[in-house]
């Protein structure tokens, strides 16, 4: 069974996609960026700020799907500037602690030239 997840307390999609999709015991979270969940507007700032906003959005989506950051098995991190890796990584570590998922990090160009980071993930959480 496939379930599309649209949490009320997370940013609204800016295109034709679901914030998350549960397929069996896997939860696929769409790429999230630094968007304020209250105003639904970008919240630009330092890479640390944007990473924190982005991961908080992912956390909210996972919670709505009945999962947590500890259930994440894979992340993809996209950075505008690869030199931001260490600063992003320190905030990333705050959110995952000892539950370290597999991860890919790449430098990329975004449609919004001001944005510094986007992160997507896959979580595994069997339904109770």
PDB file of N, CA and C in Angstrom:
ATOM      1  N   UNK A   1       0.841  -1.182   0.000  1.00  0.00           N
ATOM      2  CA  UNK A   1       0.000   0.000   0.000  1.00  0.00           C
ATOM      3  C   UNK A   1       0.891   1.252   0.000  1.00  0.00           C
ATOM      4  N   UNK A   2       0.494   2.237  -0.757  1.00  0.00           N
ATOM      5  CA  UNK A   2       1.221   3.500  -0.833  1.00  0.00           C
ATOM      6  C   UNK A   2       0.380   4.597  -0.193  1.00  0.00           C
ATOM      7  N   UNK A   3       1.021   5.361   0.691  1.00  0.00           N
ATOM      8  CA  UNK A   3       0.351   6.456   1.397  1.00  0.00           C
ATOM      9  C   UNK A   3       1.148   7.734   1.166  1.00  0.00           C
ATOM     10  N   UNK A   4       0.477   8.768   0.726  1.00  0.00           N
ATOM     11  CA  UNK A   4       1.117  10.062   0.539  1.00  0.00           C
ATOM     12  C   UNK A   4       0.899  10.897   1.794  1.00  0.00           C
ATOM     13  N   UNK A   5       1.967  11.505   2.297  1.00  0.00           N
ATOM     14  CA  UNK A   5       1.912  12.183   3.591  1.00  0.00           C
ATOM     15  C   UNK A   5       2.079  13.684   3.394  1.00  0.00           C
ATOM     16  N   UNK A   6       1.093  14.451   3.893  1.00  0.00           N
ATOM     17  CA  UNK A   6       1.091  15.908   3.811  1.00  0.00           C
ATOM     18  C   UNK A   6       0.909  16.470   5.225  1.00  0.00           C
ATOM     19  N   UNK A   7       1.983  16.569   6.002  1.00  0.00           N
ATOM     20  CA  UNK A   7       1.862  17.083   7.369  1.00  0.00           C
ATOM     21  C   UNK A   7       1.381  18.532   7.389  1.00  0.00           C
ATOM     22  N   UNK A   8       0.508  18.854   8.333  1.00  0.00           N
ATOM     23  CA  UNK A   8      -0.024  20.218   8.424  1.00  0.00           C
ATOM     24  C   UNK A   8       1.006  21.207   8.955  1.00  0.00           C
ATOM     25  N   UNK A   9       2.028  20.715   9.665  1.00  0.00           N
ATOM     26  CA  UNK A   9       3.007  21.631  10.271  1.00  0.00           C
ATOM     27  C   UNK A   9       4.333  21.680   9.521  1.00  0.00           C
ATOM     28  N   UNK A  10       4.322  21.323   8.248  1.00  0.00           N
ATOM     29  CA  UNK A  10       5.546  21.409   7.448  1.00  0.00           C
ATOM     30  C   UNK A  10       5.265  22.234   6.196  1.00  0.00           C
ATOM     31  N   UNK A  11       6.322  22.721   5.546  1.00  0.00           N
ATOM     32  CA  UNK A  11       6.123  23.548   4.352  1.00  0.00           C
ATOM     33  C   UNK A  11       5.297  22.830   3.275  1.00  0.00           C
ATOM     34  N   UNK A  12       4.514  23.599   2.581  1.00  0.00           N
ATOM     35  CA  UNK A  12       3.705  23.061   1.484  1.00  0.00           C
ATOM     36  C   UNK A  12       4.584  22.845   0.258  1.00  0.00           C
ATOM     37  N   UNK A  13       4.352  21.772  -0.486  1.00  0.00           N
ATOM     38  CA  UNK A  13       5.154  21.518  -1.689  1.00  0.00           C
ATOM     39  C   UNK A  13       5.071  22.683  -2.672  1.00  0.00           C
ATOM     40  N   UNK A  14       6.179  22.957  -3.338  1.00  0.00           N
ATOM     41  CA  UNK A  14       6.245  24.023  -4.327  1.00  0.00           C
ATOM     42  C   UNK A  14       6.098  23.472  -5.748  1.00  0.00           C
ATOM     43  N   UNK A  15       5.678  22.242  -5.847  1.00  0.00           N
ATOM     44  CA  UNK A  15       5.514  21.614  -7.152  1.00  0.00           C
ATOM     45  C   UNK A  15       4.636  20.383  -7.016  1.00  0.00           C
ATOM     46  N   UNK A  16       4.525  19.607  -8.087  1.00  0.00           N
ATOM     47  CA  UNK A  16       3.661  18.424  -8.089  1.00  0.00           C
ATOM     48  C   UNK A  16       4.340  17.206  -7.453  1.00  0.00           C
ATOM     49  N   UNK A  17       4.510  17.253  -6.144  1.00  0.00           N
ATOM     50  CA  UNK A  17       5.107  16.131  -5.420  1.00  0.00           C
ATOM     51  C   UNK A  17       4.545  16.075  -4.009  1.00  0.00           C
ATOM     52  N   UNK A  18       4.717  14.942  -3.362  1.00  0.00           N
ATOM     53  CA  UNK A  18       4.301  14.752  -1.973  1.00  0.00           C
ATOM     54  C   UNK A  18       5.497  15.003  -1.068  1.00  0.00           C
ATOM     55  N   UNK A  19       5.290  15.618   0.105  1.00  0.00           N
ATOM     56  CA  UNK A  19       6.398  15.796   1.037  1.00  0.00           C
ATOM     57  C   UNK A  19       7.027  14.456   1.442  1.00  0.00           C
ATOM     58  N   UNK A  20       6.184  13.434   1.549  1.00  0.00           N
ATOM     59  CA  UNK A  20       6.684  12.089   1.859  1.00  0.00           C
ATOM     60  C   UNK A  20       5.716  11.057   1.314  1.00  0.00           C
ATOM     61  N   UNK A  21       6.256   9.888   1.033  1.00  0.00           N
ATOM     62  CA  UNK A  21       5.447   8.758   0.579  1.00  0.00           C
ATOM     63  C   UNK A  21       5.874   7.546   1.389  1.00  0.00           C
ATOM     64  N   UNK A  22       4.880   6.884   2.003  1.00  0.00           N
ATOM     65  CA  UNK A  22       5.148   5.619   2.692  1.00  0.00           C
ATOM     66  C   UNK A  22       4.794   4.506   1.723  1.00  0.00           C
ATOM     67  N   UNK A  23       5.753   3.628   1.497  1.00  0.00           N
ATOM     68  CA  UNK A  23       5.553   2.454   0.653  1.00  0.00           C
ATOM     69  C   UNK A  23       5.941   1.245   1.513  1.00  0.00           C
ATOM     70  N   UNK A  24       4.938   0.579   2.041  1.00  0.00           N
ATOM     71  CA  UNK A  24       5.211  -0.516   2.968  1.00  0.00           C
ATOM     72  C   UNK A  24       5.842   0.036   4.234  1.00  0.00           C
ATOM     73  N   UNK A  25       7.010  -0.464   4.574  1.00  0.00           N
ATOM     74  CA  UNK A  25       7.693  -0.031   5.789  1.00  0.00           C
ATOM     75  C   UNK A  25       8.724   1.072   5.527  1.00  0.00           C
ATOM     76  N   UNK A  26       8.812   1.544   4.290  1.00  0.00           N
ATOM     77  CA  UNK A  26       9.757   2.601   3.941  1.00  0.00           C
ATOM     78  C   UNK A  26       9.041   3.933   3.784  1.00  0.00           C
ATOM     79  N   UNK A  27       9.703   4.999   4.223  1.00  0.00           N
ATOM     80  CA  UNK A  27       9.184   6.355   4.091  1.00  0.00           C
ATOM     81  C   UNK A  27      10.210   7.150   3.285  1.00  0.00           C
ATOM     82  N   UNK A  28       9.768   7.672   2.167  1.00  0.00           N
ATOM     83  CA  UNK A  28      10.625   8.450   1.278  1.00  0.00           C
ATOM     84  C   UNK A  28      10.268   9.927   1.461  1.00  0.00           C
ATOM     85  N   UNK A  29      11.194  10.709   1.987  1.00  0.00           N
ATOM     86  CA  UNK A  29      10.961  12.136   2.220  1.00  0.00           C
ATOM     87  C   UNK A  29      11.565  12.912   1.057  1.00  0.00           C
ATOM     88  N   UNK A  30      10.728  13.719   0.424  1.00  0.00           N
ATOM     89  CA  UNK A  30      11.175  14.543  -0.711  1.00  0.00           C
ATOM     90  C   UNK A  30      12.216  15.548  -0.245  1.00  0.00           C
ATOM     91  N   UNK A  31      12.994  16.037  -1.185  1.00  0.00           N
ATOM     92  CA  UNK A  31      14.001  17.039  -0.870  1.00  0.00           C
ATOM     93  C   UNK A  31      13.392  18.231  -0.151  1.00  0.00           C
ATOM     94  N   UNK A  32      13.989  18.568   0.980  1.00  0.00           N
ATOM     95  CA  UNK A  32      13.526  19.696   1.780  1.00  0.00           C
ATOM     96  C   UNK A  32      14.607  20.763   1.798  1.00  0.00           C
ATOM     97  N   UNK A  33      14.159  22.001   1.825  1.00  0.00           N
ATOM     98  CA  UNK A  33      15.081  23.121   1.886  1.00  0.00           C
ATOM     99  C   UNK A  33      14.762  23.994   3.078  1.00  0.00           C
ATOM    100  N   UNK A  34      15.419  25.138   3.169  1.00  0.00           N
ATOM    101  CA  UNK A  34      15.237  26.027   4.311  1.00  0.00           C
ATOM    102  C   UNK A  34      13.967  26.871   4.187  1.00  0.00           C
ATOM    103  N   UNK A  35      12.831  26.222   4.358  1.00  0.00           N
ATOM    104  CA  UNK A  35      11.552  26.919   4.236  1.00  0.00           C
ATOM    105  C   UNK A  35      10.885  26.946   5.606  1.00  0.00           C
ATOM    106  N   UNK A  36      10.527  28.134   6.047  1.00  0.00           N
ATOM    107  CA  UNK A  36       9.859  28.313   7.338  1.00  0.00           C
ATOM    108  C   UNK A  36       8.490  27.636   7.273  1.00  0.00           C
ATOM    109  N   UNK A  37       8.221  26.754   8.234  1.00  0.00           N
ATOM    110  CA  UNK A  37       6.975  25.990   8.202  1.00  0.00           C
ATOM    111  C   UNK A  37       5.753  26.841   8.525  1.00  0.00           C
ATOM    112  N   UNK A  38       5.926  27.989   9.170  1.00  0.00           N
ATOM    113  CA  UNK A  38       4.801  28.860   9.513  1.00  0.00           C
ATOM    114  C   UNK A  38       4.455  29.786   8.342  1.00  0.00           C
ATOM    115  N   UNK A  39       5.460  30.436   7.768  1.00  0.00           N
ATOM    116  CA  UNK A  39       5.208  31.397   6.693  1.00  0.00           C
ATOM    117  C   UNK A  39       5.209  30.754   5.312  1.00  0.00           C
ATOM    118  N   UNK A  40       5.779  29.550   5.213  1.00  0.00           N
ATOM    119  CA  UNK A  40       5.940  28.843   3.947  1.00  0.00           C
ATOM    120  C   UNK A  40       6.835  29.629   2.974  1.00  0.00           C
ATOM    121  N   UNK A  41       7.721  30.454   3.531  1.00  0.00           N
ATOM    122  CA  UNK A  41       8.673  31.239   2.748  1.00  0.00           C
ATOM    123  C   UNK A  41      10.085  30.752   3.066  1.00  0.00           C
ATOM    124  N   UNK A  42      11.007  30.979   2.139  1.00  0.00           N
ATOM    125  CA  UNK A  42      12.393  30.623   2.391  1.00  0.00           C
ATOM    126  C   UNK A  42      12.917  31.358   3.625  1.00  0.00           C
ATOM    127  N   UNK A  43      13.780  30.686   4.366  1.00  0.00           N
ATOM    128  CA  UNK A  43      14.443  31.269   5.536  1.00  0.00           C
ATOM    129  C   UNK A  43      15.947  31.158   5.299  1.00  0.00           C
ATOM    130  N   UNK A  44      16.475  32.109   4.526  1.00  0.00           N
ATOM    131  CA  UNK A  44      17.883  32.082   4.167  1.00  0.00           C
ATOM    132  C   UNK A  44      18.745  32.590   5.311  1.00  0.00           C
ATOM    133  N   UNK A  45      19.990  32.162   5.308  1.00  0.00           N
ATOM    134  CA  UNK A  45      20.939  32.601   6.325  1.00  0.00           C
ATOM    135  C   UNK A  45      22.227  31.839   6.142  1.00  0.00           C
ATOM    136  N   UNK A  46      22.927  31.606   7.230  1.00  0.00           N
ATOM    137  CA  UNK A  46      24.162  30.837   7.170  1.00  0.00           C
ATOM    138  C   UNK A  46      23.846  29.391   6.806  1.00  0.00           C
ATOM    139  N   UNK A  47      24.854  28.643   6.416  1.00  0.00           N
ATOM    140  CA  UNK A  47      24.640  27.229   6.112  1.00  0.00           C
ATOM    141  C   UNK A  47      24.142  26.492   7.355  1.00  0.00           C
ATOM    142  N   UNK A  48      24.606  26.885   8.530  1.00  0.00           N
ATOM    143  CA  UNK A  48      24.132  26.246   9.767  1.00  0.00           C
ATOM    144  C   UNK A  48      22.639  26.492   9.952  1.00  0.00           C
ATOM    145  N   UNK A  49      22.210  27.741   9.757  1.00  0.00           N
ATOM    146  CA  UNK A  49      20.787  28.070   9.888  1.00  0.00           C
ATOM    147  C   UNK A  49      19.952  27.291   8.877  1.00  0.00           C
ATOM    148  N   UNK A  50      20.365  27.317   7.618  1.00  0.00           N
ATOM    149  CA  UNK A  50      19.584  26.640   6.579  1.00  0.00           C
ATOM    150  C   UNK A  50      19.550  25.123   6.803  1.00  0.00           C
ATOM    151  N   UNK A  51      20.639  24.546   7.260  1.00  0.00           N
ATOM    152  CA  UNK A  51      20.655  23.103   7.540  1.00  0.00           C
ATOM    153  C   UNK A  51      19.712  22.781   8.690  1.00  0.00           C
ATOM    154  N   UNK A  52      19.723  23.606   9.725  1.00  0.00           N
ATOM    155  CA  UNK A  52      18.847  23.380  10.881  1.00  0.00           C
ATOM    156  C   UNK A  52      17.372  23.464  10.471  1.00  0.00           C
ATOM    157  N   UNK A  53      17.006  24.472   9.688  1.00  0.00           N
ATOM    158  CA  UNK A  53      15.615  24.617   9.223  1.00  0.00           C
ATOM    159  C   UNK A  53      15.228  23.411   8.368  1.00  0.00           C
ATOM    160  N   UNK A  54      16.116  23.019   7.474  1.00  0.00           N
ATOM    161  CA  UNK A  54      15.852  21.894   6.573  1.00  0.00           C
ATOM    162  C   UNK A  54      15.648  20.594   7.349  1.00  0.00           C
ATOM    163  N   UNK A  55      16.531  20.307   8.295  1.00  0.00           N
ATOM    164  CA  UNK A  55      16.411  19.068   9.065  1.00  0.00           C
ATOM    165  C   UNK A  55      15.225  19.092  10.022  1.00  0.00           C
ATOM    166  N   UNK A  56      14.858  20.267  10.504  1.00  0.00           N
ATOM    167  CA  UNK A  56      13.644  20.380  11.326  1.00  0.00           C
ATOM    168  C   UNK A  56      12.421  20.046  10.488  1.00  0.00           C
ATOM    169  N   UNK A  57      12.402  20.499   9.234  1.00  0.00           N
ATOM    170  CA  UNK A  57      11.289  20.152   8.341  1.00  0.00           C
ATOM    171  C   UNK A  57      11.224  18.643   8.118  1.00  0.00           C
ATOM    172  N   UNK A  58      12.371  18.018   7.911  1.00  0.00           N
ATOM    173  CA  UNK A  58      12.403  16.560   7.735  1.00  0.00           C
ATOM    174  C   UNK A  58      11.896  15.866   8.997  1.00  0.00           C
ATOM    175  N   UNK A  59      12.322  16.354  10.141  1.00  0.00           N
ATOM    176  CA  UNK A  59      11.889  15.786  11.422  1.00  0.00           C
ATOM    177  C   UNK A  59      10.365  15.845  11.562  1.00  0.00           C
ATOM    178  N   UNK A  60       9.767  16.959  11.195  1.00  0.00           N
ATOM    179  CA  UNK A  60       8.306  17.111  11.269  1.00  0.00           C
ATOM    180  C   UNK A  60       7.605  16.132  10.334  1.00  0.00           C
ATOM    181  N   UNK A  61       8.129  15.987   9.143  1.00  0.00           N
ATOM    182  CA  UNK A  61       7.522  15.073   8.176  1.00  0.00           C
ATOM    183  C   UNK A  61       7.613  13.632   8.682  1.00  0.00           C
ATOM    184  N   UNK A  62       8.775  13.258   9.203  1.00  0.00           N
ATOM    185  CA  UNK A  62       8.930  11.895   9.739  1.00  0.00           C
ATOM    186  C   UNK A  62       7.986  11.649  10.910  1.00  0.00           C
ATOM    187  N   UNK A  63       7.843  12.631  11.787  1.00  0.00           N
ATOM    188  CA  UNK A  63       6.932  12.495  12.919  1.00  0.00           C
ATOM    189  C   UNK A  63       5.512  12.255  12.430  1.00  0.00           C
ATOM    190  N   UNK A  64       5.094  12.995  11.418  1.00  0.00           N
ATOM    191  CA  UNK A  64       3.749  12.817  10.858  1.00  0.00           C
ATOM    192  C   UNK A  64       3.572  11.425  10.255  1.00  0.00           C
ATOM    193  N   UNK A  65       4.678  10.830   9.824  1.00  0.00           N
ATOM    194  CA  UNK A  65       4.629   9.484   9.239  1.00  0.00           C
ATOM    195  C   UNK A  65       4.806   8.400  10.302  1.00  0.00           C
ATOM    196  N   UNK A  66       4.944   8.809  11.577  1.00  0.00           N
ATOM    197  CA  UNK A  66       5.106   7.839  12.650  1.00  0.00           C
ATOM    198  C   UNK A  66       6.537   7.359  12.822  1.00  0.00           C
ATOM    199  N   UNK A  67       7.497   8.153  12.366  1.00  0.00           N
ATOM    200  CA  UNK A  67       8.907   7.759  12.436  1.00  0.00           C
ATOM    201  C   UNK A  67       9.714   8.874  13.098  1.00  0.00           C
ATOM    202  N   UNK A  68      11.018   8.666  13.202  1.00  0.00           N
ATOM    203  CA  UNK A  68      11.908   9.664  13.789  1.00  0.00           C
ATOM    204  C   UNK A  68      13.220   9.685  13.005  1.00  0.00           C
ATOM    205  N   UNK A  69      14.087  10.574  13.384  1.00  0.00           N
ATOM    206  CA  UNK A  69      15.394  10.664  12.731  1.00  0.00           C
ATOM    207  C   UNK A  69      16.186   9.372  12.919  1.00  0.00           C
ATOM    208  N   UNK A  70      15.954   8.675  14.005  1.00  0.00           N
ATOM    209  CA  UNK A  70      16.656   7.406  14.271  1.00  0.00           C
ATOM    210  C   UNK A  70      16.261   6.319  13.270  1.00  0.00           C
ATOM    211  N   UNK A  71      15.143   6.509  12.570  1.00  0.00           N
ATOM    212  CA  UNK A  71      14.676   5.522  11.594  1.00  0.00           C
ATOM    213  C   UNK A  71      15.223   5.785  10.187  1.00  0.00           C
ATOM    214  N   UNK A  72      15.946   6.886  10.011  1.00  0.00           N
ATOM    215  CA  UNK A  72      16.484   7.237   8.693  1.00  0.00           C
ATOM    216  C   UNK A  72      17.646   6.300   8.350  1.00  0.00           C
ATOM    217  N   UNK A  73      17.570   5.711   7.156  1.00  0.00           N
ATOM    218  CA  UNK A  73      18.618   4.787   6.717  1.00  0.00           C
ATOM    219  C   UNK A  73      19.510   5.397   5.636  1.00  0.00           C
ATOM    220  N   UNK A  74      19.039   6.456   4.957  1.00  0.00           N
ATOM    221  CA  UNK A  74      19.812   7.047   3.858  1.00  0.00           C
ATOM    222  C   UNK A  74      19.425   8.508   3.697  1.00  0.00           C
ATOM    223  N   UNK A  75      20.417   9.366   3.549  1.00  0.00           N
ATOM    224  CA  UNK A  75      20.207  10.792   3.250  1.00  0.00           C
ATOM    225  C   UNK A  75      21.005  11.162   2.016  1.00  0.00           C
ATOM    226  N   UNK A  76      20.475  12.100   1.281  1.00  0.00           N
ATOM    227  CA  UNK A  76      21.226  12.751   0.215  1.00  0.00           C
ATOM    228  C   UNK A  76      21.251  14.229   0.559  1.00  0.00           C
ATOM    229  N   UNK A  77      22.441  14.799   0.606  1.00  0.00           N
ATOM    230  CA  UNK A  77      22.626  16.207   0.932  1.00  0.00           C
ATOM    231  C   UNK A  77      23.166  16.907  -0.308  1.00  0.00           C
ATOM    232  N   UNK A  78      22.538  18.003  -0.656  1.00  0.00           N
ATOM    233  CA  UNK A  78      22.939  18.795  -1.807  1.00  0.00           C
ATOM    234  C   UNK A  78      23.368  20.168  -1.308  1.00  0.00           C
ATOM    235  N   UNK A  79      24.593  20.547  -1.610  1.00  0.00           N
ATOM    236  CA  UNK A  79      25.143  21.822  -1.173  1.00  0.00           C
ATOM    237  C   UNK A  79      25.432  22.726  -2.364  1.00  0.00           C
ATOM    238  N   UNK A  80      25.101  23.996  -2.236  1.00  0.00           N
ATOM    239  CA  UNK A  80      25.445  24.969  -3.271  1.00  0.00           C
ATOM    240  C   UNK A  80      26.956  25.122  -3.361  1.00  0.00           C
ATOM    241  N   UNK A  81      27.622  25.077  -2.199  1.00  0.00           N
ATOM    242  CA  UNK A  81      29.064  25.286  -2.133  1.00  0.00           C
ATOM    243  C   UNK A  81      29.686  24.180  -1.279  1.00  0.00           C
ATOM    244  N   UNK A  82      30.491  23.359  -1.879  1.00  0.00           N
ATOM    245  CA  UNK A  82      31.127  22.250  -1.173  1.00  0.00           C
ATOM    246  C   UNK A  82      31.963  22.690   0.017  1.00  0.00           C
ATOM    247  N   UNK A  83      32.397  23.943   0.022  1.00  0.00           N
ATOM    248  CA  UNK A  83      33.172  24.443   1.156  1.00  0.00           C
ATOM    249  C   UNK A  83      32.318  24.572   2.421  1.00  0.00           C
ATOM    250  N   UNK A  84      30.993  24.456   2.280  1.00  0.00           N
ATOM    251  CA  UNK A  84      30.087  24.503   3.438  1.00  0.00           C
ATOM    252  C   UNK A  84      29.942  23.143   4.119  1.00  0.00           C
ATOM    253  N   UNK A  85      30.647  22.129   3.606  1.00  0.00           N
ATOM    254  CA  UNK A  85      30.471  20.768   4.114  1.00  0.00           C
ATOM    255  C   UNK A  85      30.654  20.667   5.630  1.00  0.00           C
ATOM    256  N   UNK A  86      31.762  21.163   6.163  1.00  0.00           N
ATOM    257  CA  UNK A  86      32.038  20.998   7.592  1.00  0.00           C
ATOM    258  C   UNK A  86      30.986  21.681   8.459  1.00  0.00           C
ATOM    259  N   UNK A  87      30.569  22.873   8.091  1.00  0.00           N
ATOM    260  CA  UNK A  87      29.552  23.592   8.867  1.00  0.00           C
ATOM    261  C   UNK A  87      28.205  22.865   8.793  1.00  0.00           C
ATOM    262  N   UNK A  88      27.824  22.392   7.596  1.00  0.00           N
ATOM    263  CA  UNK A  88      26.594  21.619   7.460  1.00  0.00           C
ATOM    264  C   UNK A  88      26.689  20.354   8.300  1.00  0.00           C
ATOM    265  N   UNK A  89      27.833  19.694   8.234  1.00  0.00           N
ATOM    266  CA  UNK A  89      28.028  18.410   8.904  1.00  0.00           C
ATOM    267  C   UNK A  89      27.884  18.536  10.423  1.00  0.00           C
ATOM    268  N   UNK A  90      28.319  19.648  10.997  1.00  0.00           N
ATOM    269  CA  UNK A  90      28.201  19.803  12.450  1.00  0.00           C
ATOM    270  C   UNK A  90      26.738  19.900  12.877  1.00  0.00           C
ATOM    271  N   UNK A  91      25.910  20.591  12.111  1.00  0.00           N
ATOM    272  CA  UNK A  91      24.478  20.668  12.424  1.00  0.00           C
ATOM    273  C   UNK A  91      23.820  19.309  12.149  1.00  0.00           C
ATOM    274  N   UNK A  92      24.165  18.698  11.051  1.00  0.00           N
ATOM    275  CA  UNK A  92      23.650  17.372  10.693  1.00  0.00           C
ATOM    276  C   UNK A  92      23.879  16.385  11.839  1.00  0.00           C
ATOM    277  N   UNK A  93      25.081  16.403  12.422  1.00  0.00           N
ATOM    278  CA  UNK A  93      25.423  15.492  13.525  1.00  0.00           C
ATOM    279  C   UNK A  93      24.529  15.726  14.739  1.00  0.00           C
ATOM    280  N   UNK A  94      24.111  16.972  14.989  1.00  0.00           N
ATOM    281  CA  UNK A  94      23.201  17.271  16.104  1.00  0.00           C
ATOM    282  C   UNK A  94      21.883  16.533  15.948  1.00  0.00           C
ATOM    283  N   UNK A  95      21.396  16.404  14.724  1.00  0.00           N
ATOM    284  CA  UNK A  95      20.090  15.795  14.469  1.00  0.00           C
ATOM    285  C   UNK A  95      20.147  14.274  14.469  1.00  0.00           C
ATOM    286  N   UNK A  96      21.283  13.696  14.117  1.00  0.00           N
ATOM    287  CA  UNK A  96      21.355  12.243  14.001  1.00  0.00           C
ATOM    288  C   UNK A  96      22.106  11.560  15.134  1.00  0.00           C
ATOM    289  N   UNK A  97      22.983  12.247  15.823  1.00  0.00           N
ATOM    290  CA  UNK A  97      23.700  11.642  16.940  1.00  0.00           C
ATOM    291  C   UNK A  97      24.346  10.330  16.554  1.00  0.00           C
ATOM    292  N   UNK A  98      24.062   9.293  17.325  1.00  0.00           N
ATOM    293  CA  UNK A  98      24.650   7.974  17.074  1.00  0.00           C
ATOM    294  C   UNK A  98      23.916   7.197  15.974  1.00  0.00           C
ATOM    295  N   UNK A  99      22.713   7.631  15.619  1.00  0.00           N
ATOM    296  CA  UNK A  99      21.930   6.958  14.566  1.00  0.00           C
ATOM    297  C   UNK A  99      22.365   7.517  13.217  1.00  0.00           C
ATOM    298  N   UNK A 100      23.525   7.097  12.764  1.00  0.00           N
ATOM    299  CA  UNK A 100      24.103   7.658  11.546  1.00  0.00           C
ATOM    300  C   UNK A 100      23.613   6.897  10.303  1.00  0.00           C
ATOM    301  N   UNK A 101      22.791   7.556   9.479  1.00  0.00           N
ATOM    302  CA  UNK A 101      22.352   6.905   8.247  1.00  0.00           C
ATOM    303  C   UNK A 101      23.466   6.912   7.195  1.00  0.00           C
ATOM    304  N   UNK A 102      23.319   6.092   6.189  1.00  0.00           N
ATOM    305  CA  UNK A 102      24.189   6.191   5.021  1.00  0.00           C
ATOM    306  C   UNK A 102      23.922   7.561   4.394  1.00  0.00           C
ATOM    307  N   UNK A 103      24.935   8.112   3.717  1.00  0.00           N
ATOM    308  CA  UNK A 103      24.745   9.463   3.187  1.00  0.00           C
ATOM    309  C   UNK A 103      25.584   9.698   1.942  1.00  0.00           C
ATOM    310  N   UNK A 104      25.019  10.489   1.049  1.00  0.00           N
ATOM    311  CA  UNK A 104      25.731  11.019  -0.105  1.00  0.00           C
ATOM    312  C   UNK A 104      25.655  12.530  -0.007  1.00  0.00           C
ATOM    313  N   UNK A 105      26.755  13.209  -0.261  1.00  0.00           N
ATOM    314  CA  UNK A 105      26.762  14.675  -0.271  1.00  0.00           C
ATOM    315  C   UNK A 105      27.394  15.132  -1.578  1.00  0.00           C
ATOM    316  N   UNK A 106      26.684  16.006  -2.289  1.00  0.00           N
ATOM    317  CA  UNK A 106      27.193  16.525  -3.559  1.00  0.00           C
ATOM    318  C   UNK A 106      27.027  18.041  -3.614  1.00  0.00           C
ATOM    319  N   UNK A 107      27.871  18.658  -4.410  1.00  0.00           N
ATOM    320  CA  UNK A 107      27.742  20.085  -4.693  1.00  0.00           C
ATOM    321  C   UNK A 107      26.879  20.219  -5.942  1.00  0.00           C
ATOM    322  N   UNK A 108      25.936  21.167  -5.923  1.00  0.00           N
ATOM    323  CA  UNK A 108      25.006  21.296  -7.038  1.00  0.00           C
ATOM    324  C   UNK A 108      24.566  22.747  -7.215  1.00  0.00           C
ATOM    325  N   UNK A 109      23.862  23.007  -8.277  1.00  0.00           N
ATOM    326  CA  UNK A 109      23.259  24.317  -8.526  1.00  0.00           C
ATOM    327  C   UNK A 109      21.763  24.169  -8.278  1.00  0.00           C
ATOM    328  N   UNK A 110      21.189  25.145  -7.585  1.00  0.00           N
ATOM    329  CA  UNK A 110      19.758  25.124  -7.283  1.00  0.00           C
ATOM    330  C   UNK A 110      18.998  26.078  -8.193  1.00  0.00           C
ATOM    331  N   UNK A 111      17.716  25.813  -8.379  1.00  0.00           N
ATOM    332  CA  UNK A 111      16.859  26.717  -9.144  1.00  0.00           C
ATOM    333  C   UNK A 111      16.789  28.082  -8.452  1.00  0.00           C
ATOM    334  N   UNK A 112      16.759  28.057  -7.109  1.00  0.00           N
ATOM    335  CA  UNK A 112      16.810  29.302  -6.338  1.00  0.00           C
ATOM    336  C   UNK A 112      18.270  29.557  -6.003  1.00  0.00           C
ATOM    337  N   UNK A 113      18.836  30.590  -6.573  1.00  0.00           N
ATOM    338  CA  UNK A 113      20.269  30.856  -6.469  1.00  0.00           C
ATOM    339  C   UNK A 113      20.748  31.196  -5.055  1.00  0.00           C
ATOM    340  N   UNK A 114      19.838  31.568  -4.162  1.00  0.00           N
ATOM    341  CA  UNK A 114      20.220  31.949  -2.796  1.00  0.00           C
ATOM    342  C   UNK A 114      20.309  30.740  -1.865  1.00  0.00           C
ATOM    343  N   UNK A 115      19.550  29.700  -2.157  1.00  0.00           N
ATOM    344  CA  UNK A 115      19.494  28.508  -1.305  1.00  0.00           C
ATOM    345  C   UNK A 115      20.853  27.819  -1.223  1.00  0.00           C
ATOM    346  N   UNK A 116      21.214  27.373  -0.005  1.00  0.00           N
ATOM    347  CA  UNK A 116      22.514  26.751   0.220  1.00  0.00           C
ATOM    348  C   UNK A 116      22.464  25.239   0.383  1.00  0.00           C
ATOM    349  N   UNK A 117      21.290  24.679   0.773  1.00  0.00           N
ATOM    350  CA  UNK A 117      21.229  23.249   1.081  1.00  0.00           C
ATOM    351  C   UNK A 117      19.841  22.674   0.802  1.00  0.00           C
ATOM    352  N   UNK A 118      19.826  21.430   0.386  1.00  0.00           N
ATOM    353  CA  UNK A 118      18.597  20.633   0.256  1.00  0.00           C
ATOM    354  C   UNK A 118      18.957  19.223   0.707  1.00  0.00           C
ATOM    355  N   UNK A 119      18.032  18.593   1.419  1.00  0.00           N
ATOM    356  CA  UNK A 119      18.268  17.239   1.928  1.00  0.00           C
ATOM    357  C   UNK A 119      17.019  16.398   1.707  1.00  0.00           C
ATOM    358  N   UNK A 120      17.213  15.166   1.231  1.00  0.00           N
ATOM    359  CA  UNK A 120      16.113  14.195   1.198  1.00  0.00           C
ATOM    360  C   UNK A 120      16.556  12.972   1.982  1.00  0.00           C
ATOM    361  N   UNK A 121      15.612  12.097   2.291  1.00  0.00           N
ATOM    362  CA  UNK A 121      15.999  10.903   3.044  1.00  0.00           C
ATOM    363  C   UNK A 121      15.004   9.769   2.838  1.00  0.00           C
ATOM    364  N   UNK A 122      15.450   8.596   3.246  1.00  0.00           N
ATOM    365  CA  UNK A 122      14.626   7.386   3.261  1.00  0.00           C
ATOM    366  C   UNK A 122      14.694   6.838   4.678  1.00  0.00           C
ATOM    367  N   UNK A 123      13.527   6.552   5.242  1.00  0.00           N
ATOM    368  CA  UNK A 123      13.454   5.963   6.580  1.00  0.00           C
ATOM    369  C   UNK A 123      12.806   4.587   6.494  1.00  0.00           C
ATOM    370  N   UNK A 124      13.123   3.754   7.452  1.00  0.00           N
ATOM    371  CA  UNK A 124      12.523   2.417   7.548  1.00  0.00           C
ATOM    372  C   UNK A 124      11.828   2.328   8.910  1.00  0.00           C
ATOM    373  N   UNK A 125      10.520   2.197   8.878  1.00  0.00           N
ATOM    374  CA  UNK A 125       9.740   2.127  10.112  1.00  0.00           C
ATOM    375  C   UNK A 125       8.544   1.214   9.882  1.00  0.00           C
ATOM    376  N   UNK A 126       8.659  -0.051  10.315  1.00  0.00           N
ATOM    377  CA  UNK A 126       7.514  -0.955  10.163  1.00  0.00           C
ATOM    378  C   UNK A 126       6.286  -0.401  10.872  1.00  0.00           C
ATOM    379  N   UNK A 127       5.138  -0.550  10.239  1.00  0.00           N
ATOM    380  CA  UNK A 127       3.875  -0.126  10.867  1.00  0.00           C
ATOM    381  C   UNK A 127       3.578  -1.075  12.014  1.00  0.00           C
ATOM    382  N   UNK A 128       3.137  -0.506  13.102  1.00  0.00           N
ATOM    383  CA  UNK A 128       2.833  -1.316  14.293  1.00  0.00           C
ATOM    384  C   UNK A 128       1.586  -2.153  14.111  1.00  0.00           C
TER     385      UNK A 128
END
